[in-house]
Amino acid sequence: MADNSCNYLSHRDTVERVQHAERFAVNLPIIGHIGIPRPEHLAFYAALGALAALEIIEWPVAVIVAAGHVMASEEHHRTLQEIGDALEVV
């Protein structure tokens, strides 16, 4: 009899892995690994793009807010890494 188990993750397993993942990347054939933001960050950037496209805010304002968001999230990750490293030493 054939084995019914498969190597693919179920939808629920995939959602759980996405929720607990810290970073995401797409592997493009010529370019290689490209990092992409988490889904909630993508929603934020999409909302900024929509506001700029509807001319509710100006494009330079949207770019500055997005850049600030990226820098704040990177600083947040760096700070957490430093705290984790300090706790490992103790």
PDB file of N, CA and C in Angstrom:
ATOM      1  N   MET A   1       0.828  -1.174   0.000  1.00  0.00           N
ATOM      2  CA  MET A   1       0.000   0.000   0.000  1.00  0.00           C
ATOM      3  C   MET A   1       0.876   1.243   0.000  1.00  0.00           C
ATOM      4  N   ALA A   2       0.410   2.289  -0.614  1.00  0.00           N
ATOM      5  CA  ALA A   2       1.193   3.528  -0.718  1.00  0.00           C
ATOM      6  C   ALA A   2       1.143   4.297   0.586  1.00  0.00           C
ATOM      7  N   ASP A   3       2.232   4.946   0.869  1.00  0.00           N
ATOM      8  CA  ASP A   3       2.320   5.785   2.065  1.00  0.00           C
ATOM      9  C   ASP A   3       1.600   7.106   1.796  1.00  0.00           C
ATOM     10  N   ASN A   4       0.641   7.472   2.645  1.00  0.00           N
ATOM     11  CA  ASN A   4      -0.154   8.685   2.443  1.00  0.00           C
ATOM     12  C   ASN A   4       0.529   9.933   2.980  1.00  0.00           C
ATOM     13  N   SER A   5       1.652   9.809   3.648  1.00  0.00           N
ATOM     14  CA  SER A   5       2.327  10.993   4.166  1.00  0.00           C
ATOM     15  C   SER A   5       2.979  11.751   3.018  1.00  0.00           C
ATOM     16  N   CYS A   6       2.976  13.071   3.143  1.00  0.00           N
ATOM     17  CA  CYS A   6       3.616  13.869   2.100  1.00  0.00           C
ATOM     18  C   CYS A   6       4.626  14.803   2.744  1.00  0.00           C
ATOM     19  N   ASN A   7       5.536  15.304   1.955  1.00  0.00           N
ATOM     20  CA  ASN A   7       6.600  16.161   2.453  1.00  0.00           C
ATOM     21  C   ASN A   7       6.187  17.620   2.520  1.00  0.00           C
ATOM     22  N   TYR A   8       5.017  17.952   2.022  1.00  0.00           N
ATOM     23  CA  TYR A   8       4.572  19.330   2.007  1.00  0.00           C
ATOM     24  C   TYR A   8       3.940  19.703   3.335  1.00  0.00           C
ATOM     25  N   LEU A   9       4.095  20.982   3.719  1.00  0.00           N
ATOM     26  CA  LEU A   9       3.491  21.469   4.956  1.00  0.00           C
ATOM     27  C   LEU A   9       2.018  21.759   4.728  1.00  0.00           C
ATOM     28  N   SER A  10       1.222  21.538   5.738  1.00  0.00           N
ATOM     29  CA  SER A  10      -0.177  21.907   5.639  1.00  0.00           C
ATOM     30  C   SER A  10      -0.294  23.422   5.740  1.00  0.00           C
ATOM     31  N   HIS A  11      -1.445  23.934   5.408  1.00  0.00           N
ATOM     32  CA  HIS A  11      -1.682  25.379   5.484  1.00  0.00           C
ATOM     33  C   HIS A  11      -1.478  25.882   6.907  1.00  0.00           C
ATOM     34  N   ARG A  12      -1.965  25.146   7.872  1.00  0.00           N
ATOM     35  CA  ARG A  12      -1.839  25.543   9.278  1.00  0.00           C
ATOM     36  C   ARG A  12      -0.368  25.575   9.710  1.00  0.00           C
ATOM     37  N   ASP A  13       0.411  24.581   9.291  1.00  0.00           N
ATOM     38  CA  ASP A  13       1.838  24.554   9.617  1.00  0.00           C
ATOM     39  C   ASP A  13       2.571  25.737   8.983  1.00  0.00           C
ATOM     40  N   THR A  14       2.203  26.052   7.750  1.00  0.00           N
ATOM     41  CA  THR A  14       2.829  27.172   7.060  1.00  0.00           C
ATOM     42  C   THR A  14       2.513  28.487   7.752  1.00  0.00           C
ATOM     43  N   VAL A  15       1.265  28.688   8.137  1.00  0.00           N
ATOM     44  CA  VAL A  15       0.874  29.914   8.838  1.00  0.00           C
ATOM     45  C   VAL A  15       1.626  30.030  10.157  1.00  0.00           C
ATOM     46  N   GLU A  16       1.771  28.932  10.869  1.00  0.00           N
ATOM     47  CA  GLU A  16       2.497  28.961  12.139  1.00  0.00           C
ATOM     48  C   GLU A  16       3.967  29.318  11.926  1.00  0.00           C
ATOM     49  N   ARG A  17       4.579  28.777  10.882  1.00  0.00           N
ATOM     50  CA  ARG A  17       5.981  29.106  10.595  1.00  0.00           C
ATOM     51  C   ARG A  17       6.131  30.585  10.231  1.00  0.00           C
ATOM     52  N   VAL A  18       5.184  31.138   9.485  1.00  0.00           N
ATOM     53  CA  VAL A  18       5.242  32.551   9.113  1.00  0.00           C
ATOM     54  C   VAL A  18       5.079  33.432  10.338  1.00  0.00           C
ATOM     55  N   GLN A  19       4.182  33.072  11.242  1.00  0.00           N
ATOM     56  CA  GLN A  19       3.954  33.872  12.437  1.00  0.00           C
ATOM     57  C   GLN A  19       5.180  33.911  13.335  1.00  0.00           C
ATOM     58  N   HIS A  20       5.948  32.844  13.371  1.00  0.00           N
ATOM     59  CA  HIS A  20       7.097  32.776  14.271  1.00  0.00           C
ATOM     60  C   HIS A  20       8.416  33.132  13.591  1.00  0.00           C
ATOM     61  N   ALA A  21       8.387  33.377  12.300  1.00  0.00           N
ATOM     62  CA  ALA A  21       9.617  33.703  11.577  1.00  0.00           C
ATOM     63  C   ALA A  21      10.058  35.126  11.888  1.00  0.00           C
ATOM     64  N   GLU A  22      11.358  35.335  11.921  1.00  0.00           N
ATOM     65  CA  GLU A  22      11.898  36.668  12.153  1.00  0.00           C
ATOM     66  C   GLU A  22      12.203  37.373  10.850  1.00  0.00           C
ATOM     67  N   ARG A  23      12.636  36.636   9.851  1.00  0.00           N
ATOM     68  CA  ARG A  23      13.000  37.231   8.572  1.00  0.00           C
ATOM     69  C   ARG A  23      12.478  36.360   7.435  1.00  0.00           C
ATOM     70  N   PHE A  24      12.244  37.017   6.299  1.00  0.00           N
ATOM     71  CA  PHE A  24      11.778  36.325   5.112  1.00  0.00           C
ATOM     72  C   PHE A  24      12.699  36.664   3.953  1.00  0.00           C
ATOM     73  N   ALA A  25      12.826  35.753   3.017  1.00  0.00           N
ATOM     74  CA  ALA A  25      13.640  36.005   1.832  1.00  0.00           C
ATOM     75  C   ALA A  25      13.037  35.255   0.654  1.00  0.00           C
ATOM     76  N   VAL A  26      13.261  35.813  -0.525  1.00  0.00           N
ATOM     77  CA  VAL A  26      12.853  35.181  -1.771  1.00  0.00           C
ATOM     78  C   VAL A  26      14.130  34.857  -2.536  1.00  0.00           C
ATOM     79  N   ASN A  27      14.204  33.662  -3.072  1.00  0.00           N
ATOM     80  CA  ASN A  27      15.372  33.256  -3.834  1.00  0.00           C
ATOM     81  C   ASN A  27      15.080  33.457  -5.318  1.00  0.00           C
ATOM     82  N   LEU A  28      15.690  34.490  -5.920  1.00  0.00           N
ATOM     83  CA  LEU A  28      15.514  34.770  -7.339  1.00  0.00           C
ATOM     84  C   LEU A  28      16.661  34.151  -8.119  1.00  0.00           C
ATOM     85  N   PRO A  29      16.394  33.603  -9.305  1.00  0.00           N
ATOM     86  CA  PRO A  29      17.408  32.856 -10.052  1.00  0.00           C
ATOM     87  C   PRO A  29      18.704  33.615 -10.313  1.00  0.00           C
ATOM     88  N   ILE A  30      18.658  34.809 -10.826  1.00  0.00           N
ATOM     89  CA  ILE A  30      19.882  35.521 -11.187  1.00  0.00           C
ATOM     90  C   ILE A  30      20.414  36.335 -10.017  1.00  0.00           C
ATOM     91  N   ILE A  31      19.517  36.934  -9.248  1.00  0.00           N
ATOM     92  CA  ILE A  31      19.908  37.873  -8.198  1.00  0.00           C
ATOM     93  C   ILE A  31      20.321  37.162  -6.912  1.00  0.00           C
ATOM     94  N   GLY A  32      19.649  36.102  -6.542  1.00  0.00           N
ATOM     95  CA  GLY A  32      19.941  35.399  -5.297  1.00  0.00           C
ATOM     96  C   GLY A  32      18.879  35.687  -4.246  1.00  0.00           C
ATOM     97  N   HIS A  33      19.259  35.638  -2.964  1.00  0.00           N
ATOM     98  CA  HIS A  33      18.322  35.869  -1.870  1.00  0.00           C
ATOM     99  C   HIS A  33      18.035  37.359  -1.718  1.00  0.00           C
ATOM    100  N   ILE A  34      16.750  37.697  -1.687  1.00  0.00           N
ATOM    101  CA  ILE A  34      16.303  39.066  -1.471  1.00  0.00           C
ATOM    102  C   ILE A  34      15.432  39.054  -0.217  1.00  0.00           C
ATOM    103  N   GLY A  35      15.820  39.835   0.778  1.00  0.00           N
ATOM    104  CA  GLY A  35      15.033  39.921   2.006  1.00  0.00           C
ATOM    105  C   GLY A  35      13.763  40.724   1.778  1.00  0.00           C
ATOM    106  N   ILE A  36      12.664  40.252   2.361  1.00  0.00           N
ATOM    107  CA  ILE A  36      11.401  40.978   2.281  1.00  0.00           C
ATOM    108  C   ILE A  36      10.878  41.201   3.693  1.00  0.00           C
ATOM    109  N   PRO A  37      10.107  42.259   3.896  1.00  0.00           N
ATOM    110  CA  PRO A  37       9.586  42.544   5.231  1.00  0.00           C
ATOM    111  C   PRO A  37       8.524  41.535   5.656  1.00  0.00           C
ATOM    112  N   ARG A  38       8.252  41.536   6.945  1.00  0.00           N
ATOM    113  CA  ARG A  38       7.189  40.676   7.483  1.00  0.00           C
ATOM    114  C   ARG A  38       5.847  41.133   6.922  1.00  0.00           C
ATOM    115  N   PRO A  39       4.831  40.277   6.915  1.00  0.00           N
ATOM    116  CA  PRO A  39       3.532  40.640   6.333  1.00  0.00           C
ATOM    117  C   PRO A  39       2.906  41.899   6.929  1.00  0.00           C
ATOM    118  N   GLU A  40       3.032  42.099   8.246  1.00  0.00           N
ATOM    119  CA  GLU A  40       2.443  43.295   8.840  1.00  0.00           C
ATOM    120  C   GLU A  40       3.175  44.563   8.397  1.00  0.00           C
ATOM    121  N   HIS A  41       4.475  44.446   8.140  1.00  0.00           N
ATOM    122  CA  HIS A  41       5.228  45.587   7.628  1.00  0.00           C
ATOM    123  C   HIS A  41       4.853  45.857   6.169  1.00  0.00           C
ATOM    124  N   LEU A  42       4.634  44.794   5.400  1.00  0.00           N
ATOM    125  CA  LEU A  42       4.198  44.969   4.017  1.00  0.00           C
ATOM    126  C   LEU A  42       2.858  45.690   3.958  1.00  0.00           C
ATOM    127  N   ALA A  43       1.957  45.368   4.885  1.00  0.00           N
ATOM    128  CA  ALA A  43       0.660  46.048   4.930  1.00  0.00           C
ATOM    129  C   ALA A  43       0.845  47.535   5.223  1.00  0.00           C
ATOM    130  N   PHE A  44       1.765  47.862   6.116  1.00  0.00           N
ATOM    131  CA  PHE A  44       2.053  49.256   6.436  1.00  0.00           C
ATOM    132  C   PHE A  44       2.573  49.989   5.207  1.00  0.00           C
ATOM    133  N   TYR A  45       3.522  49.366   4.490  1.00  0.00           N
ATOM    134  CA  TYR A  45       4.083  49.995   3.291  1.00  0.00           C
ATOM    135  C   TYR A  45       3.021  50.122   2.197  1.00  0.00           C
ATOM    136  N   ALA A  46       2.151  49.134   2.079  1.00  0.00           N
ATOM    137  CA  ALA A  46       1.077  49.209   1.090  1.00  0.00           C
ATOM    138  C   ALA A  46       0.115  50.346   1.413  1.00  0.00           C
ATOM    139  N   ALA A  47      -0.184  50.519   2.706  1.00  0.00           N
ATOM    140  CA  ALA A  47      -1.062  51.623   3.106  1.00  0.00           C
ATOM    141  C   ALA A  47      -0.405  52.965   2.804  1.00  0.00           C
ATOM    142  N   LEU A  48       0.888  53.078   3.070  1.00  0.00           N
ATOM    143  CA  LEU A  48       1.598  54.319   2.732  1.00  0.00           C
ATOM    144  C   LEU A  48       1.558  54.574   1.227  1.00  0.00           C
ATOM    145  N   GLY A  49       1.775  53.542   0.445  1.00  0.00           N
ATOM    146  CA  GLY A  49       1.719  53.675  -1.009  1.00  0.00           C
ATOM    147  C   GLY A  49       0.339  54.079  -1.491  1.00  0.00           C
ATOM    148  N   ALA A  50      -0.691  53.504  -0.874  1.00  0.00           N
ATOM    149  CA  ALA A  50      -2.062  53.866  -1.254  1.00  0.00           C
ATOM    150  C   ALA A  50      -2.360  55.324  -0.908  1.00  0.00           C
ATOM    151  N   LEU A  51      -1.922  55.758   0.277  1.00  0.00           N
ATOM    152  CA  LEU A  51      -2.134  57.160   0.660  1.00  0.00           C
ATOM    153  C   LEU A  51      -1.418  58.103  -0.302  1.00  0.00           C
ATOM    154  N   ALA A  52      -0.221  57.729  -0.713  1.00  0.00           N
ATOM    155  CA  ALA A  52       0.519  58.568  -1.658  1.00  0.00           C
ATOM    156  C   ALA A  52      -0.116  58.521  -3.043  1.00  0.00           C
ATOM    157  N   ALA A  53      -0.580  57.344  -3.461  1.00  0.00           N
ATOM    158  CA  ALA A  53      -1.209  57.225  -4.774  1.00  0.00           C
ATOM    159  C   ALA A  53      -2.514  58.019  -4.845  1.00  0.00           C
ATOM    160  N   LEU A  54      -3.237  58.063  -3.744  1.00  0.00           N
ATOM    161  CA  LEU A  54      -4.488  58.837  -3.693  1.00  0.00           C
ATOM    162  C   LEU A  54      -4.241  60.307  -3.405  1.00  0.00           C
ATOM    163  N   GLU A  55      -2.975  60.678  -3.296  1.00  0.00           N
ATOM    164  CA  GLU A  55      -2.531  62.047  -3.046  1.00  0.00           C
ATOM    165  C   GLU A  55      -3.073  62.609  -1.735  1.00  0.00           C
ATOM    166  N   ILE A  56      -3.248  61.709  -0.763  1.00  0.00           N
ATOM    167  CA  ILE A  56      -3.616  62.146   0.583  1.00  0.00           C
ATOM    168  C   ILE A  56      -2.371  62.660   1.290  1.00  0.00           C
ATOM    169  N   ILE A  57      -1.248  62.001   1.027  1.00  0.00           N
ATOM    170  CA  ILE A  57       0.051  62.497   1.483  1.00  0.00           C
ATOM    171  C   ILE A  57       0.961  62.575   0.262  1.00  0.00           C
ATOM    172  N   GLU A  58       1.971  63.379   0.339  1.00  0.00           N
ATOM    173  CA  GLU A  58       2.913  63.522  -0.767  1.00  0.00           C
ATOM    174  C   GLU A  58       3.896  62.344  -0.785  1.00  0.00           C
ATOM    175  N   TRP A  59       4.446  62.027  -1.960  1.00  0.00           N
ATOM    176  CA  TRP A  59       5.398  60.935  -2.099  1.00  0.00           C
ATOM    177  C   TRP A  59       6.629  61.092  -1.210  1.00  0.00           C
ATOM    178  N   PRO A  60       7.202  62.297  -1.134  1.00  0.00           N
ATOM    179  CA  PRO A  60       8.379  62.416  -0.259  1.00  0.00           C
ATOM    180  C   PRO A  60       8.059  62.110   1.204  1.00  0.00           C
ATOM    181  N   VAL A  61       6.869  62.481   1.640  1.00  0.00           N
ATOM    182  CA  VAL A  61       6.463  62.192   3.021  1.00  0.00           C
ATOM    183  C   VAL A  61       6.339  60.683   3.214  1.00  0.00           C
ATOM    184  N   ALA A  62       5.739  60.000   2.250  1.00  0.00           N
ATOM    185  CA  ALA A  62       5.588  58.542   2.346  1.00  0.00           C
ATOM    186  C   ALA A  62       6.946  57.853   2.381  1.00  0.00           C
ATOM    187  N   VAL A  63       7.885  58.325   1.569  1.00  0.00           N
ATOM    188  CA  VAL A  63       9.225  57.728   1.532  1.00  0.00           C
ATOM    189  C   VAL A  63       9.940  57.949   2.859  1.00  0.00           C
ATOM    190  N   ILE A  64       9.815  59.164   3.409  1.00  0.00           N
ATOM    191  CA  ILE A  64      10.474  59.466   4.684  1.00  0.00           C
ATOM    192  C   ILE A  64       9.884  58.632   5.815  1.00  0.00           C
ATOM    193  N   VAL A  65       8.572  58.488   5.843  1.00  0.00           N
ATOM    194  CA  VAL A  65       7.921  57.682   6.890  1.00  0.00           C
ATOM    195  C   VAL A  65       8.334  56.219   6.748  1.00  0.00           C
ATOM    196  N   ALA A  66       8.367  55.701   5.516  1.00  0.00           N
ATOM    197  CA  ALA A  66       8.780  54.308   5.299  1.00  0.00           C
ATOM    198  C   ALA A  66      10.231  54.100   5.708  1.00  0.00           C
ATOM    199  N   ALA A  67      11.109  55.045   5.353  1.00  0.00           N
ATOM    200  CA  ALA A  67      12.518  54.930   5.729  1.00  0.00           C
ATOM    201  C   ALA A  67      12.677  54.966   7.246  1.00  0.00           C
ATOM    202  N   GLY A  68      11.933  55.831   7.909  1.00  0.00           N
ATOM    203  CA  GLY A  68      11.980  55.887   9.368  1.00  0.00           C
ATOM    204  C   GLY A  68      11.494  54.587   9.990  1.00  0.00           C
ATOM    205  N   HIS A  69      10.467  53.995   9.396  1.00  0.00           N
ATOM    206  CA  HIS A  69       9.940  52.725   9.895  1.00  0.00           C
ATOM    207  C   HIS A  69      10.976  51.616   9.754  1.00  0.00           C
ATOM    208  N   VAL A  70      11.668  51.591   8.615  1.00  0.00           N
ATOM    209  CA  VAL A  70      12.708  50.583   8.398  1.00  0.00           C
ATOM    210  C   VAL A  70      13.833  50.754   9.409  1.00  0.00           C
ATOM    211  N   MET A  71      14.286  52.001   9.585  1.00  0.00           N
ATOM    212  CA  MET A  71      15.379  52.246  10.532  1.00  0.00           C
ATOM    213  C   MET A  71      14.974  51.907  11.960  1.00  0.00           C
ATOM    214  N   ALA A  72      13.741  52.227  12.344  1.00  0.00           N
ATOM    215  CA  ALA A  72      13.278  51.919  13.697  1.00  0.00           C
ATOM    216  C   ALA A  72      13.190  50.418  13.916  1.00  0.00           C
ATOM    217  N   SER A  73      12.704  49.677  12.939  1.00  0.00           N
ATOM    218  CA  SER A  73      12.594  48.224  13.110  1.00  0.00           C
ATOM    219  C   SER A  73      13.963  47.570  13.130  1.00  0.00           C
ATOM    220  N   GLU A  74      14.908  48.056  12.328  1.00  0.00           N
ATOM    221  CA  GLU A  74      16.261  47.510  12.352  1.00  0.00           C
ATOM    222  C   GLU A  74      16.947  47.802  13.683  1.00  0.00           C
ATOM    223  N   GLU A  75      16.760  48.998  14.202  1.00  0.00           N
ATOM    224  CA  GLU A  75      17.338  49.345  15.508  1.00  0.00           C
ATOM    225  C   GLU A  75      16.717  48.476  16.600  1.00  0.00           C
ATOM    226  N   HIS A  76      15.418  48.209  16.477  1.00  0.00           N
ATOM    227  CA  HIS A  76      14.723  47.366  17.446  1.00  0.00           C
ATOM    228  C   HIS A  76      15.331  45.964  17.448  1.00  0.00           C
ATOM    229  N   HIS A  77      15.560  45.392  16.255  1.00  0.00           N
ATOM    230  CA  HIS A  77      16.150  44.056  16.171  1.00  0.00           C
ATOM    231  C   HIS A  77      17.576  44.048  16.718  1.00  0.00           C
ATOM    232  N   ARG A  78      18.328  45.089  16.425  1.00  0.00           N
ATOM    233  CA  ARG A  78      19.710  45.171  16.899  1.00  0.00           C
ATOM    234  C   ARG A  78      19.740  45.257  18.424  1.00  0.00           C
ATOM    235  N   THR A  79      18.825  46.041  18.994  1.00  0.00           N
ATOM    236  CA  THR A  79      18.765  46.184  20.448  1.00  0.00           C
ATOM    237  C   THR A  79      18.400  44.854  21.102  1.00  0.00           C
ATOM    238  N   LEU A  80      17.428  44.161  20.529  1.00  0.00           N
ATOM    239  CA  LEU A  80      17.041  42.859  21.077  1.00  0.00           C
ATOM    240  C   LEU A  80      18.197  41.860  20.993  1.00  0.00           C
ATOM    241  N   GLN A  81      18.942  41.902  19.904  1.00  0.00           N
ATOM    242  CA  GLN A  81      20.090  41.002  19.757  1.00  0.00           C
ATOM    243  C   GLN A  81      21.130  41.298  20.826  1.00  0.00           C
ATOM    244  N   GLU A  82      21.398  42.587  21.083  1.00  0.00           N
ATOM    245  CA  GLU A  82      22.375  42.951  22.104  1.00  0.00           C
ATOM    246  C   GLU A  82      21.913  42.520  23.490  1.00  0.00           C
ATOM    247  N   ILE A  83      20.625  42.655  23.777  1.00  0.00           N
ATOM    248  CA  ILE A  83      20.096  42.225  25.072  1.00  0.00           C
ATOM    249  C   ILE A  83      20.239  40.700  25.210  1.00  0.00           C
ATOM    250  N   GLY A  84      19.913  39.969  24.140  1.00  0.00           N
ATOM    251  CA  GLY A  84      20.053  38.513  24.159  1.00  0.00           C
ATOM    252  C   GLY A  84      21.491  38.085  24.352  1.00  0.00           C
ATOM    253  N   ASP A  85      22.413  38.767  23.687  1.00  0.00           N
ATOM    254  CA  ASP A  85      23.828  38.449  23.861  1.00  0.00           C
ATOM    255  C   ASP A  85      24.289  38.714  25.289  1.00  0.00           C
ATOM    256  N   ALA A  86      23.808  39.818  25.867  1.00  0.00           N
ATOM    257  CA  ALA A  86      24.182  40.150  27.247  1.00  0.00           C
ATOM    258  C   ALA A  86      23.621  39.127  28.226  1.00  0.00           C
ATOM    259  N   LEU A  87      22.407  38.635  27.979  1.00  0.00           N
ATOM    260  CA  LEU A  87      21.822  37.637  28.865  1.00  0.00           C
ATOM    261  C   LEU A  87      22.547  36.296  28.768  1.00  0.00           C
ATOM    262  N   GLU A  88      23.068  35.974  27.582  1.00  0.00           N
ATOM    263  CA  GLU A  88      23.793  34.725  27.421  1.00  0.00           C
ATOM    264  C   GLU A  88      25.107  34.747  28.189  1.00  0.00           C
ATOM    265  N   VAL A  89      25.708  35.927  28.301  1.00  0.00           N
ATOM    266  CA  VAL A  89      26.981  36.057  29.005  1.00  0.00           C
ATOM    267  C   VAL A  89      26.777  35.842  30.498  1.00  0.00           C
ATOM    268  N   VAL A  90      25.655  36.314  31.020  1.00  0.00           N
ATOM    269  CA  VAL A  90      25.392  36.252  32.473  1.00  0.00           C
ATOM    270  C   VAL A  90      25.094  34.870  32.908  1.00  0.00           C
TER     271      VAL A  90
END
